Amino acid sequence: MSTDLATRDSLELAERVRPLLEAAKETYAEIVSAEQVLRLKRDELLMLAFRLGGILVRIKDAIGHGRWLFWLGGNWPDLGERNSQRCMTLFRENDAKSVDSTDLNAESIRKFLWGYIPAKERPELPGDQRITPTPHPLTFVNQFFKWDQQCKIGLATAPEPDVLRHDLEPVVRRIIEIGGREWVAGLLM
């Protein structure tokens, strides 16, 4: 009698699970189909990006060193520096005779596709505020020293004495306030 009960329970369970199993199999078939479409689109994307990278490399070579970013910003701002770099890197890291995406270096594909991965979300935690370091109090001294050295070797030009006095007067007055008159007077002796 207990075996009949167990058989009846397993039949009831099978009948309850059967529609769920059919739904799961249909969904899995849709996933397999979507993955196949995704692979085909990925391969198409990679080959288009590879081809674009080759064209961009030739344009950059024709424009010359140092003018590429100006040209890109003025002629094709929608593409942007980062996207152009990704395509050119994909092209450069592979053989120019690549016929399809299976010919492409796996590492170059990974680097190219990395641009499509969204940034990782992080919960905001106490202490996550961005801290902007304050400049060192003597940074202006270092900058003045560098400027003075550049003037001495001809890389920079010193302004006329009247202009320099006019611009430095507030700074010198503040230095006198901070350092004290006696200290400044001692320097002048």
C-alpha atoms as a PDB file:
ATOM      1  CA  MET A   1       0.000   0.000   0.000  1.00  0.00           C
ATOM      2  CA  SER A   2       2.847   2.363   0.747  1.00  0.00           C
ATOM      3  CA  THR A   3       4.366   1.751  -2.718  1.00  0.00           C
ATOM      4  CA  ASP A   4       1.057   2.728  -4.331  1.00  0.00           C
ATOM      5  CA  LEU A   5       1.048   5.929  -2.292  1.00  0.00           C
ATOM      6  CA  ALA A   6       4.651   6.712  -3.278  1.00  0.00           C
ATOM      7  CA  THR A   7       3.856   6.052  -6.943  1.00  0.00           C
ATOM      8  CA  ARG A   8       0.768   8.276  -6.778  1.00  0.00           C
ATOM      9  CA  ASP A   9       2.793  11.077  -5.123  1.00  0.00           C
ATOM     10  CA  SER A  10       5.527  10.883  -7.751  1.00  0.00           C
ATOM     11  CA  LEU A  11       2.924  10.979 -10.559  1.00  0.00           C
ATOM     12  CA  GLU A  12       1.298  14.059  -9.025  1.00  0.00           C
ATOM     13  CA  LEU A  13       4.713  15.677  -8.656  1.00  0.00           C
ATOM     14  CA  ALA A  14       5.589  14.853 -12.265  1.00  0.00           C
ATOM     15  CA  GLU A  15       2.331  16.420 -13.475  1.00  0.00           C
ATOM     16  CA  ARG A  16       2.982  19.608 -11.454  1.00  0.00           C
ATOM     17  CA  VAL A  17       6.580  19.866 -12.621  1.00  0.00           C
ATOM     18  CA  ARG A  18       5.960  18.962 -16.303  1.00  0.00           C
ATOM     19  CA  PRO A  19       4.622  22.429 -17.324  1.00  0.00           C
ATOM     20  CA  LEU A  20       7.510  24.088 -15.490  1.00  0.00           C
ATOM     21  CA  LEU A  21       9.975  21.764 -17.190  1.00  0.00           C
ATOM     22  CA  GLU A  22       8.493  22.578 -20.610  1.00  0.00           C
ATOM     23  CA  ALA A  23       8.686  26.320 -19.851  1.00  0.00           C
ATOM     24  CA  ALA A  24      12.312  25.926 -18.713  1.00  0.00           C
ATOM     25  CA  LYS A  25      13.222  24.022 -21.911  1.00  0.00           C
ATOM     26  CA  GLU A  26      11.589  26.703 -24.094  1.00  0.00           C
ATOM     27  CA  THR A  27      13.422  29.443 -22.221  1.00  0.00           C
ATOM     28  CA  TYR A  28      16.709  27.578 -22.549  1.00  0.00           C
ATOM     29  CA  ALA A  29      16.154  27.203 -26.313  1.00  0.00           C
ATOM     30  CA  GLU A  30      15.575  30.978 -26.515  1.00  0.00           C
ATOM     31  CA  ILE A  31      18.817  31.573 -24.567  1.00  0.00           C
ATOM     32  CA  VAL A  32      20.780  29.306 -26.938  1.00  0.00           C
ATOM     33  CA  SER A  33      19.306  31.141 -29.932  1.00  0.00           C
ATOM     34  CA  ALA A  34      20.050  34.563 -28.413  1.00  0.00           C
ATOM     35  CA  GLU A  35      23.625  33.490 -27.625  1.00  0.00           C
ATOM     36  CA  GLN A  36      24.106  32.405 -31.223  1.00  0.00           C
ATOM     37  CA  VAL A  37      22.829  35.776 -32.490  1.00  0.00           C
ATOM     38  CA  LEU A  38      25.032  37.547 -29.937  1.00  0.00           C
ATOM     39  CA  ARG A  39      28.132  35.633 -31.120  1.00  0.00           C
ATOM     40  CA  LEU A  40      27.393  36.503 -34.745  1.00  0.00           C
ATOM     41  CA  LYS A  41      26.854  40.175 -33.876  1.00  0.00           C
ATOM     42  CA  ARG A  42      30.011  40.171 -31.732  1.00  0.00           C
ATOM     43  CA  ASP A  43      32.040  38.777 -34.641  1.00  0.00           C
ATOM     44  CA  GLU A  44      30.505  41.372 -36.978  1.00  0.00           C
ATOM     45  CA  LEU A  45      31.305  44.141 -34.465  1.00  0.00           C
ATOM     46  CA  LEU A  46      34.899  42.971 -34.105  1.00  0.00           C
ATOM     47  CA  MET A  47      35.516  42.865 -37.843  1.00  0.00           C
ATOM     48  CA  LEU A  48      33.946  46.310 -38.363  1.00  0.00           C
ATOM     49  CA  ALA A  49      36.053  47.722 -35.514  1.00  0.00           C
ATOM     50  CA  PHE A  50      39.150  46.037 -36.980  1.00  0.00           C
ATOM     51  CA  ARG A  51      38.429  47.551 -40.406  1.00  0.00           C
ATOM     52  CA  LEU A  52      37.767  50.991 -38.873  1.00  0.00           C
ATOM     53  CA  GLY A  53      40.994  50.703 -36.880  1.00  0.00           C
ATOM     54  CA  GLY A  54      42.962  50.075 -40.074  1.00  0.00           C
ATOM     55  CA  ILE A  55      41.420  53.133 -41.739  1.00  0.00           C
ATOM     56  CA  LEU A  56      42.090  55.287 -38.666  1.00  0.00           C
ATOM     57  CA  VAL A  57      45.731  54.147 -38.523  1.00  0.00           C
ATOM     58  CA  ARG A  58      46.206  55.215 -42.153  1.00  0.00           C
ATOM     59  CA  ILE A  59      44.517  58.585 -41.491  1.00  0.00           C
ATOM     60  CA  LYS A  60      46.655  59.163 -38.398  1.00  0.00           C
ATOM     61  CA  ASP A  61      49.830  58.327 -40.339  1.00  0.00           C
ATOM     62  CA  ALA A  62      48.811  60.776 -43.077  1.00  0.00           C
ATOM     63  CA  ILE A  63      48.004  63.569 -40.606  1.00  0.00           C
ATOM     64  CA  GLY A  64      51.276  63.234 -38.755  1.00  0.00           C
ATOM     65  CA  HIS A  65      52.443  63.061 -35.177  1.00  0.00           C
ATOM     66  CA  GLY A  66      51.004  65.623 -32.781  1.00  0.00           C
ATOM     67  CA  ARG A  67      48.020  66.655 -34.898  1.00  0.00           C
ATOM     68  CA  TRP A  68      45.841  63.549 -34.622  1.00  0.00           C
ATOM     69  CA  LEU A  69      43.769  64.571 -31.595  1.00  0.00           C
ATOM     70  CA  PHE A  70      43.155  68.062 -33.003  1.00  0.00           C
ATOM     71  CA  TRP A  71      42.067  66.546 -36.303  1.00  0.00           C
ATOM     72  CA  LEU A  72      39.869  63.961 -34.615  1.00  0.00           C
ATOM     73  CA  GLY A  73      38.170  66.535 -32.381  1.00  0.00           C
ATOM     74  CA  GLY A  74      37.566  68.877 -35.302  1.00  0.00           C
ATOM     75  CA  ASN A  75      36.472  66.329 -37.902  1.00  0.00           C
ATOM     76  CA  TRP A  76      34.872  63.467 -35.999  1.00  0.00           C
ATOM     77  CA  PRO A  77      34.040  64.411 -32.389  1.00  0.00           C
ATOM     78  CA  ASP A  78      31.334  61.712 -32.195  1.00  0.00           C
ATOM     79  CA  LEU A  79      33.940  58.963 -32.477  1.00  0.00           C
ATOM     80  CA  GLY A  80      36.033  60.330 -29.631  1.00  0.00           C
ATOM     81  CA  GLU A  81      39.603  59.651 -28.605  1.00  0.00           C
ATOM     82  CA  ARG A  82      38.886  56.515 -26.549  1.00  0.00           C
ATOM     83  CA  ASN A  83      36.863  54.728 -29.242  1.00  0.00           C
ATOM     84  CA  SER A  84      39.436  55.548 -31.908  1.00  0.00           C
ATOM     85  CA  GLN A  85      42.217  54.214 -29.654  1.00  0.00           C
ATOM     86  CA  ARG A  86      40.303  50.980 -29.052  1.00  0.00           C
ATOM     87  CA  CYS A  87      39.791  50.371 -32.785  1.00  0.00           C
ATOM     88  CA  MET A  88      43.370  51.263 -33.733  1.00  0.00           C
ATOM     89  CA  THR A  89      44.751  49.042 -30.968  1.00  0.00           C
ATOM     90  CA  LEU A  90      42.590  46.145 -32.182  1.00  0.00           C
ATOM     91  CA  PHE A  91      44.013  46.653 -35.675  1.00  0.00           C
ATOM     92  CA  ARG A  92      47.640  47.086 -34.587  1.00  0.00           C
ATOM     93  CA  GLU A  93      47.671  44.030 -32.324  1.00  0.00           C
ATOM     94  CA  ASN A  94      46.545  41.746 -35.146  1.00  0.00           C
ATOM     95  CA  ASP A  95      47.680  40.757 -38.603  1.00  0.00           C
ATOM     96  CA  ALA A  96      46.396  43.232 -41.186  1.00  0.00           C
ATOM     97  CA  LYS A  97      45.315  40.261 -43.326  1.00  0.00           C
ATOM     98  CA  SER A  98      42.792  39.003 -40.750  1.00  0.00           C
ATOM     99  CA  VAL A  99      39.763  37.610 -42.543  1.00  0.00           C
ATOM    100  CA  ASP A 100      37.365  37.039 -39.668  1.00  0.00           C
ATOM    101  CA  SER A 101      37.206  37.393 -35.904  1.00  0.00           C
ATOM    102  CA  THR A 102      38.729  33.948 -35.335  1.00  0.00           C
ATOM    103  CA  ASP A 103      41.979  35.351 -36.748  1.00  0.00           C
ATOM    104  CA  LEU A 104      42.098  38.077 -34.092  1.00  0.00           C
ATOM    105  CA  ASN A 105      44.291  37.842 -31.005  1.00  0.00           C
ATOM    106  CA  ALA A 106      42.173  36.884 -27.964  1.00  0.00           C
ATOM    107  CA  GLU A 107      43.876  39.488 -25.753  1.00  0.00           C
ATOM    108  CA  SER A 108      43.164  42.281 -28.248  1.00  0.00           C
ATOM    109  CA  ILE A 109      39.516  41.208 -28.390  1.00  0.00           C
ATOM    110  CA  ARG A 110      39.314  41.297 -24.601  1.00  0.00           C
ATOM    111  CA  LYS A 111      40.837  44.791 -24.493  1.00  0.00           C
ATOM    112  CA  PHE A 112      38.457  46.039 -27.175  1.00  0.00           C
ATOM    113  CA  LEU A 113      35.337  44.589 -25.531  1.00  0.00           C
ATOM    114  CA  TRP A 114      36.373  45.911 -22.104  1.00  0.00           C
ATOM    115  CA  GLY A 115      34.983  49.301 -23.191  1.00  0.00           C
ATOM    116  CA  TYR A 116      31.455  47.835 -23.172  1.00  0.00           C
ATOM    117  CA  ILE A 117      31.564  46.601 -19.594  1.00  0.00           C
ATOM    118  CA  PRO A 118      29.803  49.046 -17.267  1.00  0.00           C
ATOM    119  CA  ALA A 119      31.667  50.410 -14.285  1.00  0.00           C
ATOM    120  CA  LYS A 120      31.251  48.382 -11.140  1.00  0.00           C
ATOM    121  CA  GLU A 121      28.760  49.846  -8.723  1.00  0.00           C
ATOM    122  CA  ARG A 122      30.134  50.477  -5.271  1.00  0.00           C
ATOM    123  CA  PRO A 123      28.173  51.436  -2.195  1.00  0.00           C
ATOM    124  CA  GLU A 124      29.156  54.793  -0.808  1.00  0.00           C
ATOM    125  CA  LEU A 125      31.003  54.269   2.435  1.00  0.00           C
ATOM    126  CA  PRO A 126      32.026  56.713   5.135  1.00  0.00           C
ATOM    127  CA  GLY A 127      35.341  58.259   4.225  1.00  0.00           C
ATOM    128  CA  ASP A 128      34.851  57.813   0.454  1.00  0.00           C
ATOM    129  CA  GLN A 129      34.932  61.549  -0.182  1.00  0.00           C
ATOM    130  CA  ARG A 130      37.535  62.674  -2.652  1.00  0.00           C
ATOM    131  CA  ILE A 131      40.310  64.483  -0.822  1.00  0.00           C
ATOM    132  CA  THR A 132      42.019  67.173  -2.796  1.00  0.00           C
ATOM    133  CA  PRO A 133      45.488  67.680  -1.397  1.00  0.00           C
ATOM    134  CA  THR A 134      46.328  71.246  -0.495  1.00  0.00           C
ATOM    135  CA  PRO A 135      49.381  72.641  -2.213  1.00  0.00           C
ATOM    136  CA  HIS A 136      52.569  72.811  -0.225  1.00  0.00           C
ATOM    137  CA  PRO A 137      53.098  76.316   1.172  1.00  0.00           C
ATOM    138  CA  LEU A 138      56.397  76.661  -0.683  1.00  0.00           C
ATOM    139  CA  THR A 139      55.159  75.530  -4.097  1.00  0.00           C
ATOM    140  CA  PHE A 140      55.342  79.106  -5.364  1.00  0.00           C
ATOM    141  CA  VAL A 141      59.028  79.219  -4.389  1.00  0.00           C
ATOM    142  CA  ASN A 142      59.737  76.125  -6.491  1.00  0.00           C
ATOM    143  CA  GLN A 143      57.751  77.545  -9.404  1.00  0.00           C
ATOM    144  CA  PHE A 144      59.652  80.842  -9.175  1.00  0.00           C
ATOM    145  CA  PHE A 145      62.969  78.975  -9.109  1.00  0.00           C
ATOM    146  CA  LYS A 146      62.001  76.984 -12.251  1.00  0.00           C
ATOM    147  CA  TRP A 147      60.861  80.142 -14.046  1.00  0.00           C
ATOM    148  CA  ASP A 148      64.085  81.933 -13.078  1.00  0.00           C
ATOM    149  CA  GLN A 149      66.187  79.033 -14.399  1.00  0.00           C
ATOM    150  CA  GLN A 150      64.237  79.070 -17.672  1.00  0.00           C
ATOM    151  CA  CYS A 151      64.848  82.819 -17.989  1.00  0.00           C
ATOM    152  CA  LYS A 152      68.570  82.298 -17.439  1.00  0.00           C
ATOM    153  CA  ILE A 153      68.850  79.712 -20.233  1.00  0.00           C
ATOM    154  CA  GLY A 154      66.528  81.567 -22.623  1.00  0.00           C
ATOM    155  CA  LEU A 155      63.454  79.331 -22.489  1.00  0.00           C
ATOM    156  CA  ALA A 156      61.344  82.057 -20.849  1.00  0.00           C
ATOM    157  CA  THR A 157      61.484  85.828 -20.917  1.00  0.00           C
ATOM    158  CA  ALA A 158      61.361  88.063 -17.875  1.00  0.00           C
ATOM    159  CA  PRO A 159      58.806  90.890 -17.891  1.00  0.00           C
ATOM    160  CA  GLU A 160      59.811  94.535 -17.749  1.00  0.00           C
ATOM    161  CA  PRO A 161      60.907  95.598 -14.221  1.00  0.00           C
ATOM    162  CA  ASP A 162      57.862  97.897 -13.770  1.00  0.00           C
ATOM    163  CA  VAL A 163      55.440  95.082 -14.660  1.00  0.00           C
ATOM    164  CA  LEU A 164      57.262  92.668 -12.342  1.00  0.00           C
ATOM    165  CA  ARG A 165      57.180  95.174  -9.457  1.00  0.00           C
ATOM    166  CA  HIS A 166      53.495  95.860  -9.991  1.00  0.00           C
ATOM    167  CA  ASP A 167      52.567  92.152 -10.040  1.00  0.00           C
ATOM    168  CA  LEU A 168      54.851  91.143  -7.154  1.00  0.00           C
ATOM    169  CA  GLU A 169      54.010  93.980  -4.765  1.00  0.00           C
ATOM    170  CA  PRO A 170      50.961  92.279  -3.163  1.00  0.00           C
ATOM    171  CA  VAL A 171      52.921  89.031  -2.840  1.00  0.00           C
ATOM    172  CA  VAL A 172      55.918  90.724  -1.224  1.00  0.00           C
ATOM    173  CA  ARG A 173      53.656  92.626   1.184  1.00  0.00           C
ATOM    174  CA  ARG A 174      52.037  89.334   2.246  1.00  0.00           C
ATOM    175  CA  ILE A 175      55.464  87.718   2.675  1.00  0.00           C
ATOM    176  CA  ILE A 176      56.443  90.645   4.941  1.00  0.00           C
ATOM    177  CA  GLU A 177      53.246  90.087   6.980  1.00  0.00           C
ATOM    178  CA  ILE A 178      53.982  86.383   7.367  1.00  0.00           C
ATOM    179  CA  GLY A 179      57.762  86.536   7.900  1.00  0.00           C
ATOM    180  CA  GLY A 180      57.912  89.818   9.792  1.00  0.00           C
ATOM    181  CA  ARG A 181      59.579  93.131   8.948  1.00  0.00           C
ATOM    182  CA  GLU A 182      62.715  92.297  10.912  1.00  0.00           C
ATOM    183  CA  TRP A 183      63.307  89.108   8.945  1.00  0.00           C
ATOM    184  CA  VAL A 184      62.857  90.872   5.594  1.00  0.00           C
ATOM    185  CA  ALA A 185      65.027  93.788   6.734  1.00  0.00           C
ATOM    186  CA  GLY A 186      67.707  91.280   7.771  1.00  0.00           C
ATOM    187  CA  LEU A 187      67.636  89.829   4.260  1.00  0.00           C
ATOM    188  CA  LEU A 188      68.155  93.256   2.726  1.00  0.00           C
ATOM    189  CA  MET A 189      71.243  94.005   4.808  1.00  0.00           C
END
